């Protein structure tokens, strides 16, 4: 059995500077965790530093780390640096993703490669390094998408790039089980963040809203508590993809 608390635990969040990752960082810090905050591009550095300040204000220790996680050596370095800064890690959360809405007939090889590098390859090596670095009883959580359970146009490389993560999650859950490490994926519905609006027309935004309870998009505040739960009392859930989308879609 594992401890059902984050007090004194060390949490690594990939894509932890802002939006969902930033909120998760703040919430786990409020629960007593120390947090390693990863960001990808220089444009997110100031957000990462603001999130770090919030973690420290909550009484936790924190560190800001950067790196392109589509390169496996950078994923290894991220885990090494986070461990050096905080101590052995207990929870690893990967919120990294890239969205592209484009017809298959218009998608280039470069776009295909980038989408699978960000959404699939980076996720695979993140789970790999988590399996190497996490303490016994640790938790690995990856953010995917409810499009994995939808039948729609335009998102072939996004849904396609995220879909292998379910298989990575299931395999890792079996492989890490002996050490009490749970491995899960959370699949939000269309989320009310800047990443979503850049891909959609106002009409489609309204359609997406109409498919969920309360005629609204998924909010980051709907997802962050699920990460907290899976990191504590929800440890017995493993190998699963949780579709958290207000009824937007299901299997």
C-alpha atoms as a PDB file:
ATOM      1  CA  UNK A   1       0.000   0.000   0.000  1.00  0.00           C
ATOM      2  CA  UNK A   2       1.128   3.538  -0.697  1.00  0.00           C
ATOM      3  CA  UNK A   3       0.842   6.755   1.297  1.00  0.00           C
ATOM      4  CA  UNK A   4      -2.271   8.753   0.452  1.00  0.00           C
ATOM      5  CA  UNK A   5      -0.648  12.140   0.820  1.00  0.00           C
ATOM      6  CA  UNK A   6       1.524  14.491  -1.213  1.00  0.00           C
ATOM      7  CA  UNK A   7       3.134  16.080   1.834  1.00  0.00           C
ATOM      8  CA  UNK A   8       6.896  15.996   1.285  1.00  0.00           C
ATOM      9  CA  UNK A   9       6.563  14.150  -2.021  1.00  0.00           C
ATOM     10  CA  UNK A  10       8.546  15.174  -5.110  1.00  0.00           C
ATOM     11  CA  UNK A  11       6.525  15.806  -8.265  1.00  0.00           C
ATOM     12  CA  UNK A  12       7.804  16.387 -11.804  1.00  0.00           C
ATOM     13  CA  UNK A  13       5.438  18.084 -14.246  1.00  0.00           C
ATOM     14  CA  UNK A  14       6.340  18.185 -17.938  1.00  0.00           C
ATOM     15  CA  UNK A  15       4.717  21.236 -19.451  1.00  0.00           C
ATOM     16  CA  UNK A  16       4.261  22.603 -15.948  1.00  0.00           C
ATOM     17  CA  UNK A  17       4.673  26.305 -16.623  1.00  0.00           C
ATOM     18  CA  UNK A  18       1.102  27.393 -17.377  1.00  0.00           C
ATOM     19  CA  UNK A  19      -2.453  26.313 -18.176  1.00  0.00           C
ATOM     20  CA  UNK A  20      -3.182  22.793 -16.882  1.00  0.00           C
ATOM     21  CA  UNK A  21       0.423  22.016 -15.921  1.00  0.00           C
ATOM     22  CA  UNK A  22       0.738  25.263 -14.002  1.00  0.00           C
ATOM     23  CA  UNK A  23      -2.481  24.626 -12.101  1.00  0.00           C
ATOM     24  CA  UNK A  24      -1.388  21.084 -11.219  1.00  0.00           C
ATOM     25  CA  UNK A  25       1.921  22.466  -9.911  1.00  0.00           C
ATOM     26  CA  UNK A  26       0.120  24.965  -7.692  1.00  0.00           C
ATOM     27  CA  UNK A  27      -2.368  22.423  -6.386  1.00  0.00           C
ATOM     28  CA  UNK A  28       0.172  19.739  -5.502  1.00  0.00           C
ATOM     29  CA  UNK A  29       2.306  22.404  -3.800  1.00  0.00           C
ATOM     30  CA  UNK A  30      -0.730  23.384  -1.736  1.00  0.00           C
ATOM     31  CA  UNK A  31      -0.859  19.720  -0.679  1.00  0.00           C
ATOM     32  CA  UNK A  32       2.740  19.895   0.554  1.00  0.00           C
ATOM     33  CA  UNK A  33       4.644  18.625  -2.491  1.00  0.00           C
ATOM     34  CA  UNK A  34       7.924  19.836  -3.934  1.00  0.00           C
ATOM     35  CA  UNK A  35       7.688  20.461  -7.675  1.00  0.00           C
ATOM     36  CA  UNK A  36      10.012  20.307 -10.672  1.00  0.00           C
ATOM     37  CA  UNK A  37       8.469  22.502 -13.363  1.00  0.00           C
ATOM     38  CA  UNK A  38       9.437  21.742 -16.953  1.00  0.00           C
ATOM     39  CA  UNK A  39       8.890  24.127 -19.832  1.00  0.00           C
ATOM     40  CA  UNK A  40       9.713  23.685 -23.505  1.00  0.00           C
ATOM     41  CA  UNK A  41      10.274  27.054 -25.157  1.00  0.00           C
ATOM     42  CA  UNK A  42      11.813  30.315 -24.012  1.00  0.00           C
ATOM     43  CA  UNK A  43       8.416  32.002 -24.380  1.00  0.00           C
ATOM     44  CA  UNK A  44       7.192  29.962 -21.382  1.00  0.00           C
ATOM     45  CA  UNK A  45      10.102  30.774 -19.081  1.00  0.00           C
ATOM     46  CA  UNK A  46       8.388  33.675 -17.312  1.00  0.00           C
ATOM     47  CA  UNK A  47       5.260  31.555 -16.750  1.00  0.00           C
ATOM     48  CA  UNK A  48       7.443  28.790 -15.305  1.00  0.00           C
ATOM     49  CA  UNK A  49       9.109  31.250 -12.948  1.00  0.00           C
ATOM     50  CA  UNK A  50       5.725  32.579 -11.802  1.00  0.00           C
ATOM     51  CA  UNK A  51       4.586  29.017 -11.124  1.00  0.00           C
ATOM     52  CA  UNK A  52       7.803  28.361  -9.211  1.00  0.00           C
ATOM     53  CA  UNK A  53       7.123  31.442  -7.078  1.00  0.00           C
ATOM     54  CA  UNK A  54       3.642  30.066  -6.290  1.00  0.00           C
ATOM     55  CA  UNK A  55       5.115  26.684  -5.314  1.00  0.00           C
ATOM     56  CA  UNK A  56       7.619  28.340  -2.998  1.00  0.00           C
ATOM     57  CA  UNK A  57       4.938  30.612  -1.541  1.00  0.00           C
ATOM     58  CA  UNK A  58       2.986  27.460  -0.633  1.00  0.00           C
ATOM     59  CA  UNK A  59       6.011  26.271   1.338  1.00  0.00           C
ATOM     60  CA  UNK A  60       7.370  23.761  -1.149  1.00  0.00           C
ATOM     61  CA  UNK A  61      10.739  23.493  -2.802  1.00  0.00           C
ATOM     62  CA  UNK A  62      10.796  23.898  -6.552  1.00  0.00           C
ATOM     63  CA  UNK A  63      12.991  24.004  -9.595  1.00  0.00           C
ATOM     64  CA  UNK A  64      12.481  25.193 -13.183  1.00  0.00           C
ATOM     65  CA  UNK A  65      13.880  22.987 -15.955  1.00  0.00           C
ATOM     66  CA  UNK A  66      13.707  23.252 -19.732  1.00  0.00           C
ATOM     67  CA  UNK A  67      14.218  20.953 -22.673  1.00  0.00           C
ATOM     68  CA  UNK A  68      12.837  19.586 -25.928  1.00  0.00           C
ATOM     69  CA  UNK A  69      11.345  16.279 -24.832  1.00  0.00           C
ATOM     70  CA  UNK A  70      11.112  14.907 -28.370  1.00  0.00           C
ATOM     71  CA  UNK A  71      14.801  14.046 -27.873  1.00  0.00           C
ATOM     72  CA  UNK A  72      15.113  11.075 -25.479  1.00  0.00           C
ATOM     73  CA  UNK A  73      18.416  12.289 -24.056  1.00  0.00           C
ATOM     74  CA  UNK A  74      16.630  15.459 -22.922  1.00  0.00           C
ATOM     75  CA  UNK A  75      13.980  13.404 -21.152  1.00  0.00           C
ATOM     76  CA  UNK A  76      16.710  11.497 -19.321  1.00  0.00           C
ATOM     77  CA  UNK A  77      18.385  14.793 -18.372  1.00  0.00           C
ATOM     78  CA  UNK A  78      15.060  16.208 -17.156  1.00  0.00           C
ATOM     79  CA  UNK A  79      14.550  13.318 -14.741  1.00  0.00           C
ATOM     80  CA  UNK A  80      18.198  13.395 -13.650  1.00  0.00           C
ATOM     81  CA  UNK A  81      18.108  17.150 -13.011  1.00  0.00           C
ATOM     82  CA  UNK A  82      14.765  16.987 -11.198  1.00  0.00           C
ATOM     83  CA  UNK A  83      16.077  14.185  -8.984  1.00  0.00           C
ATOM     84  CA  UNK A  84      19.280  16.087  -8.255  1.00  0.00           C
ATOM     85  CA  UNK A  85      17.310  19.189  -7.301  1.00  0.00           C
ATOM     86  CA  UNK A  86      14.544  17.618  -5.210  1.00  0.00           C
ATOM     87  CA  UNK A  87      15.566  14.057  -4.375  1.00  0.00           C
ATOM     88  CA  UNK A  88      13.972  10.834  -5.617  1.00  0.00           C
ATOM     89  CA  UNK A  89      10.762  11.520  -7.505  1.00  0.00           C
ATOM     90  CA  UNK A  90       7.381  10.173  -6.416  1.00  0.00           C
ATOM     91  CA  UNK A  91       5.021  11.453  -9.129  1.00  0.00           C
ATOM     92  CA  UNK A  92       5.657  12.198 -12.818  1.00  0.00           C
ATOM     93  CA  UNK A  93       2.969  14.030 -14.799  1.00  0.00           C
ATOM     94  CA  UNK A  94       3.244  14.656 -18.531  1.00  0.00           C
ATOM     95  CA  UNK A  95       0.934  17.380 -19.860  1.00  0.00           C
ATOM     96  CA  UNK A  96       2.953  17.957 -23.042  1.00  0.00           C
ATOM     97  CA  UNK A  97       1.050  17.901 -26.318  1.00  0.00           C
ATOM     98  CA  UNK A  98       0.606  19.616 -29.648  1.00  0.00           C
ATOM     99  CA  UNK A  99      -2.686  20.092 -31.491  1.00  0.00           C
ATOM    100  CA  UNK A 100      -3.119  20.248 -35.257  1.00  0.00           C
ATOM    101  CA  UNK A 101      -6.426  20.333 -37.089  1.00  0.00           C
ATOM    102  CA  UNK A 102      -5.804  19.584 -40.757  1.00  0.00           C
ATOM    103  CA  UNK A 103      -7.198  17.257 -43.424  1.00  0.00           C
ATOM    104  CA  UNK A 104      -5.113  14.166 -44.140  1.00  0.00           C
ATOM    105  CA  UNK A 105      -4.746  15.198 -47.776  1.00  0.00           C
ATOM    106  CA  UNK A 106      -3.113  18.488 -46.712  1.00  0.00           C
ATOM    107  CA  UNK A 107      -0.802  17.115 -44.008  1.00  0.00           C
ATOM    108  CA  UNK A 108       2.925  17.112 -44.765  1.00  0.00           C
ATOM    109  CA  UNK A 109       5.473  14.548 -43.658  1.00  0.00           C
ATOM    110  CA  UNK A 110       7.103  17.203 -41.476  1.00  0.00           C
ATOM    111  CA  UNK A 111       3.797  17.888 -39.711  1.00  0.00           C
ATOM    112  CA  UNK A 112       3.193  14.168 -39.236  1.00  0.00           C
ATOM    113  CA  UNK A 113       6.661  13.650 -37.767  1.00  0.00           C
ATOM    114  CA  UNK A 114       6.376  16.609 -35.405  1.00  0.00           C
ATOM    115  CA  UNK A 115       2.939  15.567 -34.146  1.00  0.00           C
ATOM    116  CA  UNK A 116       4.056  12.022 -33.405  1.00  0.00           C
ATOM    117  CA  UNK A 117       7.336  13.190 -31.885  1.00  0.00           C
ATOM    118  CA  UNK A 118       5.539  15.512 -29.442  1.00  0.00           C
ATOM    119  CA  UNK A 119       2.459  13.439 -28.647  1.00  0.00           C
ATOM    120  CA  UNK A 120       3.805   9.889 -28.846  1.00  0.00           C
ATOM    121  CA  UNK A 121       7.594   9.651 -28.771  1.00  0.00           C
ATOM    122  CA  UNK A 122       8.078  12.158 -25.962  1.00  0.00           C
ATOM    123  CA  UNK A 123       5.343  10.416 -23.953  1.00  0.00           C
ATOM    124  CA  UNK A 124       6.985   7.015 -24.432  1.00  0.00           C
ATOM    125  CA  UNK A 125      10.373   8.098 -23.179  1.00  0.00           C
ATOM    126  CA  UNK A 126       8.784  10.080 -20.338  1.00  0.00           C
ATOM    127  CA  UNK A 127       7.117   6.878 -19.122  1.00  0.00           C
ATOM    128  CA  UNK A 128      10.390   4.991 -19.614  1.00  0.00           C
ATOM    129  CA  UNK A 129      12.378   7.433 -17.489  1.00  0.00           C
ATOM    130  CA  UNK A 130       9.635   7.518 -14.865  1.00  0.00           C
ATOM    131  CA  UNK A 131       9.932   3.745 -14.582  1.00  0.00           C
ATOM    132  CA  UNK A 132      13.658   4.156 -14.002  1.00  0.00           C
ATOM    133  CA  UNK A 133      13.622   7.127 -11.649  1.00  0.00           C
ATOM    134  CA  UNK A 134      10.447   6.948  -9.532  1.00  0.00           C
ATOM    135  CA  UNK A 135      10.411   5.621  -5.999  1.00  0.00           C
ATOM    136  CA  UNK A 136       8.465   2.447  -5.277  1.00  0.00           C
ATOM    137  CA  UNK A 137       4.792   3.326  -4.945  1.00  0.00           C
ATOM    138  CA  UNK A 138       5.181   6.150  -7.473  1.00  0.00           C
ATOM    139  CA  UNK A 139       2.614   7.444  -9.958  1.00  0.00           C
ATOM    140  CA  UNK A 140       2.921   8.174 -13.682  1.00  0.00           C
ATOM    141  CA  UNK A 141       0.158  10.234 -15.319  1.00  0.00           C
ATOM    142  CA  UNK A 142      -0.088  11.320 -18.961  1.00  0.00           C
ATOM    143  CA  UNK A 143      -2.603  13.771 -20.399  1.00  0.00           C
ATOM    144  CA  UNK A 144      -4.106  12.479 -23.649  1.00  0.00           C
ATOM    145  CA  UNK A 145      -7.407  13.473 -25.328  1.00  0.00           C
ATOM    146  CA  UNK A 146     -11.039  12.404 -25.465  1.00  0.00           C
ATOM    147  CA  UNK A 147     -10.663  12.366 -29.245  1.00  0.00           C
ATOM    148  CA  UNK A 148      -9.344   8.824 -28.669  1.00  0.00           C
ATOM    149  CA  UNK A 149     -12.996   7.885 -28.181  1.00  0.00           C
ATOM    150  CA  UNK A 150     -14.423  10.156 -30.875  1.00  0.00           C
ATOM    151  CA  UNK A 151     -15.117   9.738 -34.576  1.00  0.00           C
ATOM    152  CA  UNK A 152     -14.356  13.026 -36.259  1.00  0.00           C
ATOM    153  CA  UNK A 153     -12.456  14.760 -39.021  1.00  0.00           C
ATOM    154  CA  UNK A 154      -9.357  16.905 -39.002  1.00  0.00           C
ATOM    155  CA  UNK A 155      -7.478  15.521 -36.019  1.00  0.00           C
ATOM    156  CA  UNK A 156      -5.792  12.475 -37.552  1.00  0.00           C
ATOM    157  CA  UNK A 157      -2.290  13.357 -36.365  1.00  0.00           C
ATOM    158  CA  UNK A 158      -3.399  14.627 -32.949  1.00  0.00           C
ATOM    159  CA  UNK A 159      -5.666  11.730 -31.995  1.00  0.00           C
ATOM    160  CA  UNK A 160      -3.345   9.388 -33.883  1.00  0.00           C
ATOM    161  CA  UNK A 161      -0.301  10.699 -32.061  1.00  0.00           C
ATOM    162  CA  UNK A 162      -1.950  10.415 -28.647  1.00  0.00           C
ATOM    163  CA  UNK A 163      -3.535   7.000 -29.170  1.00  0.00           C
ATOM    164  CA  UNK A 164      -0.326   4.950 -28.692  1.00  0.00           C
ATOM    165  CA  UNK A 165      -0.034   6.412 -25.184  1.00  0.00           C
ATOM    166  CA  UNK A 166      -2.890   4.144 -24.096  1.00  0.00           C
ATOM    167  CA  UNK A 167      -0.832   1.120 -25.084  1.00  0.00           C
ATOM    168  CA  UNK A 168       2.296   2.556 -23.466  1.00  0.00           C
ATOM    169  CA  UNK A 169       0.253   3.115 -20.294  1.00  0.00           C
ATOM    170  CA  UNK A 170      -1.123  -0.410 -20.177  1.00  0.00           C
ATOM    171  CA  UNK A 171       2.245  -2.047 -20.794  1.00  0.00           C
ATOM    172  CA  UNK A 172       3.997   0.141 -18.223  1.00  0.00           C
ATOM    173  CA  UNK A 173       1.254  -0.532 -15.657  1.00  0.00           C
ATOM    174  CA  UNK A 174       2.046  -4.249 -15.913  1.00  0.00           C
ATOM    175  CA  UNK A 175       5.805  -3.783 -16.022  1.00  0.00           C
ATOM    176  CA  UNK A 176       5.958  -1.355 -13.065  1.00  0.00           C
ATOM    177  CA  UNK A 177       3.313  -3.129 -10.941  1.00  0.00           C
ATOM    178  CA  UNK A 178       5.823  -5.146  -8.946  1.00  0.00           C
ATOM    179  CA  UNK A 179       7.156  -1.875  -7.536  1.00  0.00           C
ATOM    180  CA  UNK A 180       3.683  -0.534  -6.754  1.00  0.00           C
ATOM    181  CA  UNK A 181       3.904   2.166  -9.436  1.00  0.00           C
ATOM    182  CA  UNK A 182       0.553   3.045 -11.000  1.00  0.00           C
ATOM    183  CA  UNK A 183       0.424   4.323 -14.586  1.00  0.00           C
ATOM    184  CA  UNK A 184      -2.623   6.134 -15.938  1.00  0.00           C
ATOM    185  CA  UNK A 185      -3.793   8.458 -18.698  1.00  0.00           C
ATOM    186  CA  UNK A 186      -6.381  11.223 -18.420  1.00  0.00           C
ATOM    187  CA  UNK A 187      -8.354  12.153 -21.537  1.00  0.00           C
ATOM    188  CA  UNK A 188      -9.932  15.611 -21.195  1.00  0.00           C
ATOM    189  CA  UNK A 189     -12.602  16.865 -23.531  1.00  0.00           C
ATOM    190  CA  UNK A 190     -11.943  19.951 -25.676  1.00  0.00           C
ATOM    191  CA  UNK A 191     -10.277  22.211 -23.152  1.00  0.00           C
ATOM    192  CA  UNK A 192     -10.810  25.901 -22.579  1.00  0.00           C
ATOM    193  CA  UNK A 193      -7.184  26.895 -23.242  1.00  0.00           C
ATOM    194  CA  UNK A 194      -5.419  28.867 -26.019  1.00  0.00           C
ATOM    195  CA  UNK A 195      -4.272  25.582 -27.626  1.00  0.00           C
ATOM    196  CA  UNK A 196      -7.877  24.712 -28.507  1.00  0.00           C
ATOM    197  CA  UNK A 197      -9.153  27.981 -29.924  1.00  0.00           C
ATOM    198  CA  UNK A 198      -6.376  28.294 -32.483  1.00  0.00           C
ATOM    199  CA  UNK A 199      -7.619  25.164 -34.235  1.00  0.00           C
ATOM    200  CA  UNK A 200     -11.372  25.810 -34.306  1.00  0.00           C
ATOM    201  CA  UNK A 201     -13.984  28.124 -35.802  1.00  0.00           C
ATOM    202  CA  UNK A 202     -16.484  29.835 -33.489  1.00  0.00           C
ATOM    203  CA  UNK A 203     -19.195  27.550 -34.872  1.00  0.00           C
ATOM    204  CA  UNK A 204     -17.247  24.418 -34.011  1.00  0.00           C
ATOM    205  CA  UNK A 205     -16.462  25.765 -30.548  1.00  0.00           C
ATOM    206  CA  UNK A 206     -20.202  26.066 -29.940  1.00  0.00           C
ATOM    207  CA  UNK A 207     -20.742  22.529 -31.221  1.00  0.00           C
ATOM    208  CA  UNK A 208     -18.082  21.136 -28.883  1.00  0.00           C
ATOM    209  CA  UNK A 209     -19.688  22.984 -25.969  1.00  0.00           C
ATOM    210  CA  UNK A 210     -23.101  21.535 -26.846  1.00  0.00           C
ATOM    211  CA  UNK A 211     -21.812  17.973 -26.445  1.00  0.00           C
ATOM    212  CA  UNK A 212     -20.989  18.270 -22.734  1.00  0.00           C
ATOM    213  CA  UNK A 213     -22.870  18.982 -19.520  1.00  0.00           C
ATOM    214  CA  UNK A 214     -23.749  22.592 -18.967  1.00  0.00           C
ATOM    215  CA  UNK A 215     -22.958  23.504 -22.581  1.00  0.00           C
ATOM    216  CA  UNK A 216     -19.316  24.150 -21.735  1.00  0.00           C
ATOM    217  CA  UNK A 217     -15.798  23.082 -22.578  1.00  0.00           C
ATOM    218  CA  UNK A 218     -13.602  21.124 -20.195  1.00  0.00           C
ATOM    219  CA  UNK A 219     -11.771  23.464 -17.824  1.00  0.00           C
ATOM    220  CA  UNK A 220      -8.309  22.935 -16.398  1.00  0.00           C
ATOM    221  CA  UNK A 221      -9.966  23.109 -12.967  1.00  0.00           C
ATOM    222  CA  UNK A 222     -11.910  19.952 -13.913  1.00  0.00           C
ATOM    223  CA  UNK A 223      -8.745  17.969 -14.664  1.00  0.00           C
ATOM    224  CA  UNK A 224      -6.151  19.042 -12.087  1.00  0.00           C
ATOM    225  CA  UNK A 225      -8.064  17.473  -9.142  1.00  0.00           C
ATOM    226  CA  UNK A 226      -8.095  14.129 -10.989  1.00  0.00           C
ATOM    227  CA  UNK A 227      -4.293  14.282 -11.216  1.00  0.00           C
ATOM    228  CA  UNK A 228      -4.179  14.976  -7.473  1.00  0.00           C
ATOM    229  CA  UNK A 229      -6.506  12.036  -6.782  1.00  0.00           C
ATOM    230  CA  UNK A 230      -4.533   9.592  -8.941  1.00  0.00           C
ATOM    231  CA  UNK A 231      -1.388  10.759  -7.140  1.00  0.00           C
ATOM    232  CA  UNK A 232      -2.842   9.903  -3.724  1.00  0.00           C
ATOM    233  CA  UNK A 233      -5.985   7.914  -2.847  1.00  0.00           C
ATOM    234  CA  UNK A 234      -6.515   6.905  -6.474  1.00  0.00           C
ATOM    235  CA  UNK A 235      -3.284   4.883  -6.615  1.00  0.00           C
ATOM    236  CA  UNK A 236      -5.221   1.613  -7.125  1.00  0.00           C
ATOM    237  CA  UNK A 237      -6.323   2.819 -10.573  1.00  0.00           C
ATOM    238  CA  UNK A 238      -3.665   1.736 -13.071  1.00  0.00           C
ATOM    239  CA  UNK A 239      -3.441   0.886 -16.753  1.00  0.00           C
ATOM    240  CA  UNK A 240      -6.538   2.992 -17.428  1.00  0.00           C
ATOM    241  CA  UNK A 241      -7.507   5.909 -19.633  1.00  0.00           C
ATOM    242  CA  UNK A 242      -9.971   8.119 -17.762  1.00  0.00           C
ATOM    243  CA  UNK A 243     -12.243  10.084 -20.082  1.00  0.00           C
ATOM    244  CA  UNK A 244     -12.961  13.247 -18.101  1.00  0.00           C
ATOM    245  CA  UNK A 245     -15.087  15.330 -20.446  1.00  0.00           C
ATOM    246  CA  UNK A 246     -18.544  16.075 -19.044  1.00  0.00           C
ATOM    247  CA  UNK A 247     -20.152  13.463 -21.269  1.00  0.00           C
ATOM    248  CA  UNK A 248     -18.587  14.767 -24.474  1.00  0.00           C
ATOM    249  CA  UNK A 249     -17.848  11.238 -25.640  1.00  0.00           C
ATOM    250  CA  UNK A 250     -17.337   7.736 -24.312  1.00  0.00           C
ATOM    251  CA  UNK A 251     -16.400   4.358 -25.683  1.00  0.00           C
END
